[in-house]
PDB file of N, CA and C in Angstrom:
ATOM      1  N   MET A   1     -21.160  -2.114   1.896  1.00  0.00           N
ATOM      2  CA  MET A   1     -19.835  -2.830   1.786  1.00  0.00           C
ATOM      3  C   MET A   1     -18.830  -2.061   0.944  1.00  0.00           C
ATOM      4  N   ARG A   2     -17.816  -1.891   1.299  1.00  0.00           N
ATOM      5  CA  ARG A   2     -16.774  -0.903   0.404  1.00  0.00           C
ATOM      6  C   ARG A   2     -16.534  -1.377  -0.979  1.00  0.00           C
ATOM      7  N   GLU A   3     -16.870  -1.024  -2.213  1.00  0.00           N
ATOM      8  CA  GLU A   3     -16.168  -1.443  -3.360  1.00  0.00           C
ATOM      9  C   GLU A   3     -14.802  -1.402  -3.513  1.00  0.00           C
ATOM     10  N   ARG A   4     -14.445  -2.295  -3.822  1.00  0.00           N
ATOM     11  CA  ARG A   4     -12.921  -2.453  -4.110  1.00  0.00           C
ATOM     12  C   ARG A   4     -12.620  -2.231  -5.347  1.00  0.00           C
ATOM     13  N   LEU A   5     -11.415  -1.720  -5.708  1.00  0.00           N
ATOM     14  CA  LEU A   5     -10.959  -1.232  -7.066  1.00  0.00           C
ATOM     15  C   LEU A   5      -9.830  -1.971  -7.418  1.00  0.00           C
ATOM     16  N   CYS A   6      -9.763  -1.916  -8.411  1.00  0.00           N
ATOM     17  CA  CYS A   6      -8.045  -2.734  -9.065  1.00  0.00           C
ATOM     18  C   CYS A   6      -7.183  -2.148  -8.536  1.00  0.00           C
ATOM     19  N   SER A   7      -5.941  -2.746  -8.506  1.00  0.00           N
ATOM     20  CA  SER A   7      -4.578  -2.150  -7.745  1.00  0.00           C
ATOM     21  C   SER A   7      -4.076  -1.469  -8.936  1.00  0.00           C
ATOM     22  N   LYS A   8      -4.153  -1.801 -10.042  1.00  0.00           N
ATOM     23  CA  LYS A   8      -3.335  -1.215 -10.893  1.00  0.00           C
ATOM     24  C   LYS A   8      -3.560   0.111 -11.376  1.00  0.00           C
ATOM     25  N   VAL A   9      -2.323   0.934 -11.825  1.00  0.00           N
ATOM     26  CA  VAL A   9      -2.373   2.401 -11.435  1.00  0.00           C
ATOM     27  C   VAL A   9      -3.197   2.882 -12.617  1.00  0.00           C
ATOM     28  N   ALA A  10      -3.960   3.754 -12.148  1.00  0.00           N
ATOM     29  CA  ALA A  10      -5.015   4.506 -13.044  1.00  0.00           C
ATOM     30  C   ALA A  10      -6.241   3.896 -13.540  1.00  0.00           C
ATOM     31  N   CYS A  11      -6.457   2.673 -12.629  1.00  0.00           N
ATOM     32  CA  CYS A  11      -7.615   1.653 -13.429  1.00  0.00           C
ATOM     33  C   CYS A  11      -8.554   1.874 -12.185  1.00  0.00           C
ATOM     34  N   ALA A  12      -9.782   2.526 -12.521  1.00  0.00           N
ATOM     35  CA  ALA A  12     -10.720   2.265 -11.747  1.00  0.00           C
ATOM     36  C   ALA A  12     -12.081   1.638 -11.698  1.00  0.00           C
ATOM     37  N   ARG A  13     -11.734   0.316 -12.336  1.00  0.00           N
ATOM     38  CA  ARG A  13     -12.685  -0.830 -12.565  1.00  0.00           C
ATOM     39  C   ARG A  13     -12.624  -1.430 -11.156  1.00  0.00           C
ATOM     40  N   GLU A  14     -14.118  -1.934 -10.730  1.00  0.00           N
ATOM     41  CA  GLU A  14     -14.129  -2.938  -9.835  1.00  0.00           C
ATOM     42  C   GLU A  14     -13.384  -4.155  -9.805  1.00  0.00           C
ATOM     43  N   ALA A  15     -12.503  -4.433  -8.679  1.00  0.00           N
ATOM     44  CA  ALA A  15     -11.849  -5.784  -8.457  1.00  0.00           C
ATOM     45  C   ALA A  15     -12.736  -7.052  -8.590  1.00  0.00           C
ATOM     46  N   VAL A  16     -12.433  -8.124  -9.264  1.00  0.00           N
ATOM     47  CA  VAL A  16     -13.364  -9.196  -9.546  1.00  0.00           C
ATOM     48  C   VAL A  16     -12.339 -10.602  -8.912  1.00  0.00           C
ATOM     49  N   SER A  17     -11.164 -10.188  -8.664  1.00  0.00           N
ATOM     50  CA  SER A  17      -9.878 -11.247  -8.402  1.00  0.00           C
ATOM     51  C   SER A  17      -8.432 -10.739  -7.460  1.00  0.00           C
ATOM     52  N   THR A  18      -8.182 -11.649  -6.970  1.00  0.00           N
ATOM     53  CA  THR A  18      -7.229 -11.356  -6.061  1.00  0.00           C
ATOM     54  C   THR A  18      -5.629 -11.891  -6.503  1.00  0.00           C
ATOM     55  N   LEU A  19      -4.494 -11.044  -6.523  1.00  0.00           N
ATOM     56  CA  LEU A  19      -3.471 -11.772  -6.918  1.00  0.00           C
ATOM     57  C   LEU A  19      -2.233 -11.799  -5.820  1.00  0.00           C
ATOM     58  N   THR A  20      -1.800 -13.057  -5.667  1.00  0.00           N
ATOM     59  CA  THR A  20      -0.708 -13.033  -4.763  1.00  0.00           C
ATOM     60  C   THR A  20       0.531 -13.594  -5.212  1.00  0.00           C
ATOM     61  N   TYR A  21       1.811 -13.398  -4.635  1.00  0.00           N
ATOM     62  CA  TYR A  21       2.852 -13.785  -5.043  1.00  0.00           C
ATOM     63  C   TYR A  21       3.518 -14.693  -4.398  1.00  0.00           C
ATOM     64  N   ASP A  22       4.171 -15.778  -4.441  1.00  0.00           N
ATOM     65  CA  ASP A  22       5.281 -16.897  -4.105  1.00  0.00           C
ATOM     66  C   ASP A  22       6.487 -16.446  -4.553  1.00  0.00           C
ATOM     67  N   TYR A  23       7.565 -15.506  -4.168  1.00  0.00           N
ATOM     68  CA  TYR A  23       8.921 -15.054  -4.830  1.00  0.00           C
ATOM     69  C   TYR A  23       9.663 -16.522  -4.460  1.00  0.00           C
ATOM     70  N   GLU A  24       9.651 -17.002  -3.550  1.00  0.00           N
ATOM     71  CA  GLU A  24      10.505 -18.387  -3.330  1.00  0.00           C
ATOM     72  C   GLU A  24      10.206 -19.181  -4.314  1.00  0.00           C
ATOM     73  N   ASP A  25       8.954 -19.637  -4.522  1.00  0.00           N
ATOM     74  CA  ASP A  25       8.627 -20.478  -5.412  1.00  0.00           C
ATOM     75  C   ASP A  25       8.367 -20.187  -6.815  1.00  0.00           C
ATOM     76  N   GLN A  26       8.314 -18.753  -7.165  1.00  0.00           N
ATOM     77  CA  GLN A  26       8.497 -18.492  -8.570  1.00  0.00           C
ATOM     78  C   GLN A  26       6.775 -18.415  -9.138  1.00  0.00           C
ATOM     79  N   MET A  27       6.029 -18.216  -8.202  1.00  0.00           N
ATOM     80  CA  MET A  27       4.678 -18.684  -8.789  1.00  0.00           C
ATOM     81  C   MET A  27       3.872 -17.225  -8.241  1.00  0.00           C
ATOM     82  N   ALA A  28       2.587 -16.997  -8.980  1.00  0.00           N
ATOM     83  CA  ALA A  28       1.823 -16.096  -8.680  1.00  0.00           C
ATOM     84  C   ALA A  28       0.485 -16.947  -8.487  1.00  0.00           C
ATOM     85  N   ALA A  29      -0.360 -16.552  -7.758  1.00  0.00           N
ATOM     86  CA  ALA A  29      -1.640 -17.448  -7.611  1.00  0.00           C
ATOM     87  C   ALA A  29      -2.935 -16.343  -7.856  1.00  0.00           C
ATOM     88  N   VAL A  30      -3.777 -16.717  -8.925  1.00  0.00           N
ATOM     89  CA  VAL A  30      -4.898 -15.627  -9.243  1.00  0.00           C
ATOM     90  C   VAL A  30      -6.282 -16.523  -8.536  1.00  0.00           C
ATOM     91  N   GLY A  31      -7.058 -15.750  -7.860  1.00  0.00           N
ATOM     92  CA  GLY A  31      -8.317 -16.432  -7.229  1.00  0.00           C
ATOM     93  C   GLY A  31      -9.729 -15.551  -7.093  1.00  0.00           C
ATOM     94  N   PRO A  32     -10.478 -16.019  -6.514  1.00  0.00           N
ATOM     95  CA  PRO A  32     -11.806 -14.960  -6.386  1.00  0.00           C
ATOM     96  C   PRO A  32     -10.908 -13.845  -5.841  1.00  0.00           C
ATOM     97  N   LEU A  33     -11.884 -12.671  -5.362  1.00  0.00           N
ATOM     98  CA  LEU A  33     -11.657 -11.852  -4.571  1.00  0.00           C
ATOM     99  C   LEU A  33     -11.740 -11.943  -3.213  1.00  0.00           C
ATOM    100  N   GLY A  34     -10.435 -11.911  -2.467  1.00  0.00           N
ATOM    101  CA  GLY A  34     -10.229 -12.044  -1.198  1.00  0.00           C
ATOM    102  C   GLY A  34     -11.231 -11.645  -0.342  1.00  0.00           C
ATOM    103  N   GLY A  35     -11.608 -12.075   0.677  1.00  0.00           N
ATOM    104  CA  GLY A  35     -12.513 -11.727   1.532  1.00  0.00           C
ATOM    105  C   GLY A  35     -12.092 -10.298   2.667  1.00  0.00           C
ATOM    106  N   ASP A  36     -10.709 -10.321   2.533  1.00  0.00           N
ATOM    107  CA  ASP A  36     -10.228  -9.194   3.448  1.00  0.00           C
ATOM    108  C   ASP A  36      -8.996  -8.278   2.602  1.00  0.00           C
ATOM    109  N   ASP A  37      -9.126  -7.143   2.634  1.00  0.00           N
ATOM    110  CA  ASP A  37      -8.053  -6.351   1.841  1.00  0.00           C
ATOM    111  C   ASP A  37      -6.688  -6.542   2.640  1.00  0.00           C
ATOM    112  N   ASP A  38      -5.890  -7.143   1.809  1.00  0.00           N
ATOM    113  CA  ASP A  38      -4.780  -7.779   2.685  1.00  0.00           C
ATOM    114  C   ASP A  38      -3.684  -6.962   1.727  1.00  0.00           C
ATOM    115  N   PRO A  39      -2.747  -6.368   2.635  1.00  0.00           N
ATOM    116  CA  PRO A  39      -1.789  -5.515   2.108  1.00  0.00           C
ATOM    117  C   PRO A  39      -0.895  -5.871   1.384  1.00  0.00           C
ATOM    118  N   HIS A  40      -0.777  -7.677   1.217  1.00  0.00           N
ATOM    119  CA  HIS A  40       0.234  -7.968   0.530  1.00  0.00           C
ATOM    120  C   HIS A  40      -0.597  -9.022  -0.824  1.00  0.00           C
ATOM    121  N   ALA A  41      -1.738  -8.592  -0.743  1.00  0.00           N
ATOM    122  CA  ALA A  41      -2.665  -9.025  -1.960  1.00  0.00           C
ATOM    123  C   ALA A  41      -2.635  -7.732  -2.895  1.00  0.00           C
ATOM    124  N   HIS A  42      -2.924  -8.421  -4.293  1.00  0.00           N
ATOM    125  CA  HIS A  42      -3.249  -7.192  -5.171  1.00  0.00           C
ATOM    126  C   HIS A  42      -4.425  -7.652  -5.847  1.00  0.00           C
ATOM    127  N   ASP A  43      -5.726  -6.374  -5.760  1.00  0.00           N
ATOM    128  CA  ASP A  43      -6.897  -6.802  -6.255  1.00  0.00           C
ATOM    129  C   ASP A  43      -6.872  -6.482  -7.544  1.00  0.00           C
ATOM    130  N   LEU A  44      -7.714  -7.433  -8.881  1.00  0.00           N
ATOM    131  CA  LEU A  44      -7.514  -6.960 -10.179  1.00  0.00           C
ATOM    132  C   LEU A  44      -8.743  -7.049 -10.803  1.00  0.00           C
ATOM    133  N   CYS A  45      -9.239  -5.968 -11.742  1.00  0.00           N
ATOM    134  CA  CYS A  45     -10.393  -6.193 -12.650  1.00  0.00           C
ATOM    135  C   CYS A  45     -10.246  -7.057 -13.408  1.00  0.00           C
ATOM    136  N   ALA A  46     -11.497  -7.387 -14.013  1.00  0.00           N
ATOM    137  CA  ALA A  46     -11.704  -8.626 -15.001  1.00  0.00           C
ATOM    138  C   ALA A  46     -10.596  -8.482 -16.008  1.00  0.00           C
ATOM    139  N   ILE A  47     -10.532  -7.157 -16.736  1.00  0.00           N
ATOM    140  CA  ILE A  47      -9.531  -6.851 -17.767  1.00  0.00           C
ATOM    141  C   ILE A  47      -7.921  -7.454 -17.400  1.00  0.00           C
ATOM    142  N   HIS A  48      -7.306  -6.818 -16.502  1.00  0.00           N
ATOM    143  CA  HIS A  48      -6.099  -6.918 -15.779  1.00  0.00           C
ATOM    144  C   HIS A  48      -5.919  -8.583 -15.257  1.00  0.00           C
ATOM    145  N   THR A  49      -6.854  -9.274 -14.949  1.00  0.00           N
ATOM    146  CA  THR A  49      -6.784 -10.437 -14.477  1.00  0.00           C
ATOM    147  C   THR A  49      -6.395 -11.414 -15.763  1.00  0.00           C
ATOM    148  N   ASP A  50      -7.029 -10.891 -17.018  1.00  0.00           N
ATOM    149  CA  ASP A  50      -7.073 -11.812 -18.086  1.00  0.00           C
ATOM    150  C   ASP A  50      -5.653 -11.010 -18.851  1.00  0.00           C
ATOM    151  N   ARG A  51      -5.421  -9.920 -18.515  1.00  0.00           N
ATOM    152  CA  ARG A  51      -3.969  -9.774 -19.025  1.00  0.00           C
ATOM    153  C   ARG A  51      -2.673 -10.096 -18.166  1.00  0.00           C
ATOM    154  N   LEU A  52      -2.558 -10.673 -17.245  1.00  0.00           N
ATOM    155  CA  LEU A  52      -1.929 -11.050 -16.380  1.00  0.00           C
ATOM    156  C   LEU A  52      -0.429 -11.420 -16.923  1.00  0.00           C
ATOM    157  N   SER A  53       0.378 -11.180 -16.768  1.00  0.00           N
ATOM    158  CA  SER A  53       1.675 -11.514 -17.045  1.00  0.00           C
ATOM    159  C   SER A  53       2.697 -11.782 -15.993  1.00  0.00           C
ATOM    160  N   VAL A  54       3.671 -12.599 -16.120  1.00  0.00           N
ATOM    161  CA  VAL A  54       4.849 -13.075 -14.806  1.00  0.00           C
ATOM    162  C   VAL A  54       6.146 -13.294 -15.443  1.00  0.00           C
ATOM    163  N   PRO A  55       7.117 -13.265 -14.837  1.00  0.00           N
ATOM    164  CA  PRO A  55       8.601 -13.060 -15.134  1.00  0.00           C
ATOM    165  C   PRO A  55       8.476 -14.508 -15.756  1.00  0.00           C
ATOM    166  N   ARG A  56       9.420 -14.436 -16.760  1.00  0.00           N
ATOM    167  CA  ARG A  56       9.873 -15.810 -17.337  1.00  0.00           C
ATOM    168  C   ARG A  56      10.239 -16.839 -16.249  1.00  0.00           C
ATOM    169  N   GLY A  57       9.826 -17.809 -16.591  1.00  0.00           N
ATOM    170  CA  GLY A  57      10.265 -19.181 -15.470  1.00  0.00           C
ATOM    171  C   GLY A  57       9.160 -19.231 -14.059  1.00  0.00           C
ATOM    172  N   TRP A  58       8.268 -18.271 -14.009  1.00  0.00           N
ATOM    173  CA  TRP A  58       7.182 -18.283 -13.165  1.00  0.00           C
ATOM    174  C   TRP A  58       6.009 -18.885 -13.537  1.00  0.00           C
ATOM    175  N   VAL A  59       5.486 -19.434 -12.662  1.00  0.00           N
ATOM    176  CA  VAL A  59       3.952 -20.441 -12.796  1.00  0.00           C
ATOM    177  C   VAL A  59       3.069 -19.558 -12.247  1.00  0.00           C
ATOM    178  N   VAL A  60       1.983 -19.154 -13.354  1.00  0.00           N
ATOM    179  CA  VAL A  60       0.551 -18.801 -12.738  1.00  0.00           C
ATOM    180  C   VAL A  60      -0.512 -20.005 -12.639  1.00  0.00           C
ATOM    181  N   VAL A  61      -0.832 -19.956 -11.228  1.00  0.00           N
ATOM    182  CA  VAL A  61      -2.022 -20.745 -10.758  1.00  0.00           C
ATOM    183  C   VAL A  61      -3.317 -19.873 -10.759  1.00  0.00           C
ATOM    184  N   ARG A  62      -4.247 -20.551 -11.747  1.00  0.00           N
ATOM    185  CA  ARG A  62      -5.615 -19.588 -11.428  1.00  0.00           C
ATOM    186  C   ARG A  62      -6.408 -20.623 -10.871  1.00  0.00           C
ATOM    187  N   HIS A  63      -7.289 -20.128  -9.536  1.00  0.00           N
ATOM    188  CA  HIS A  63      -8.336 -20.778  -8.810  1.00  0.00           C
ATOM    189  C   HIS A  63      -9.311 -20.255  -9.128  1.00  0.00           C
ATOM    190  N   GLU A  64     -10.366 -21.091 -10.029  1.00  0.00           N
ATOM    191  CA  GLU A  64     -11.322 -20.590 -10.382  1.00  0.00           C
ATOM    192  C   GLU A  64     -12.493 -21.132  -9.179  1.00  0.00           C
ATOM    193  N   THR A  65     -13.932 -20.593  -9.291  1.00  0.00           N
ATOM    194  CA  THR A  65     -14.988 -20.733  -8.503  1.00  0.00           C
ATOM    195  C   THR A  65     -15.868 -21.537  -9.865  1.00  0.00           C
ATOM    196  N   ILE A  66     -16.767 -22.212  -9.274  1.00  0.00           N
ATOM    197  CA  ILE A  66     -17.664 -23.148 -10.046  1.00  0.00           C
ATOM    198  C   ILE A  66     -18.708 -22.780  -9.674  1.00  0.00           C
ATOM    199  N   SER A  67     -19.698 -22.159 -10.476  1.00  0.00           N
ATOM    200  CA  SER A  67     -20.903 -21.888 -10.192  1.00  0.00           C
ATOM    201  C   SER A  67     -22.437 -23.032 -10.560  1.00  0.00           C
ATOM    202  N   ASN A  68     -22.875 -22.712  -9.650  1.00  0.00           N
ATOM    203  CA  ASN A  68     -24.195 -24.023  -9.964  1.00  0.00           C
ATOM    204  C   ASN A  68     -25.580 -23.148 -10.209  1.00  0.00           C
ATOM    205  N   ARG A  69     -25.123 -23.203 -11.594  1.00  0.00           N
ATOM    206  CA  ARG A  69     -26.651 -22.419 -12.260  1.00  0.00           C
ATOM    207  C   ARG A  69     -27.314 -23.353 -12.928  1.00  0.00           C
TER     208      ARG A  69
END
């Protein structure tokens, strides 16, 4: 499987999450790395996932996976 890299300019780290925007509802959703390489989604590395910021008034929804360790 091809490694997916972070979508941020000049970042060469491996992507760990996928970010999508809903402009109508002013919402950003961040979740586990999507299964497909969707041209409307943005793959992010761990650092850029943690540093994510959105415009004032927007809501960020974070979907976490629960591991059964």
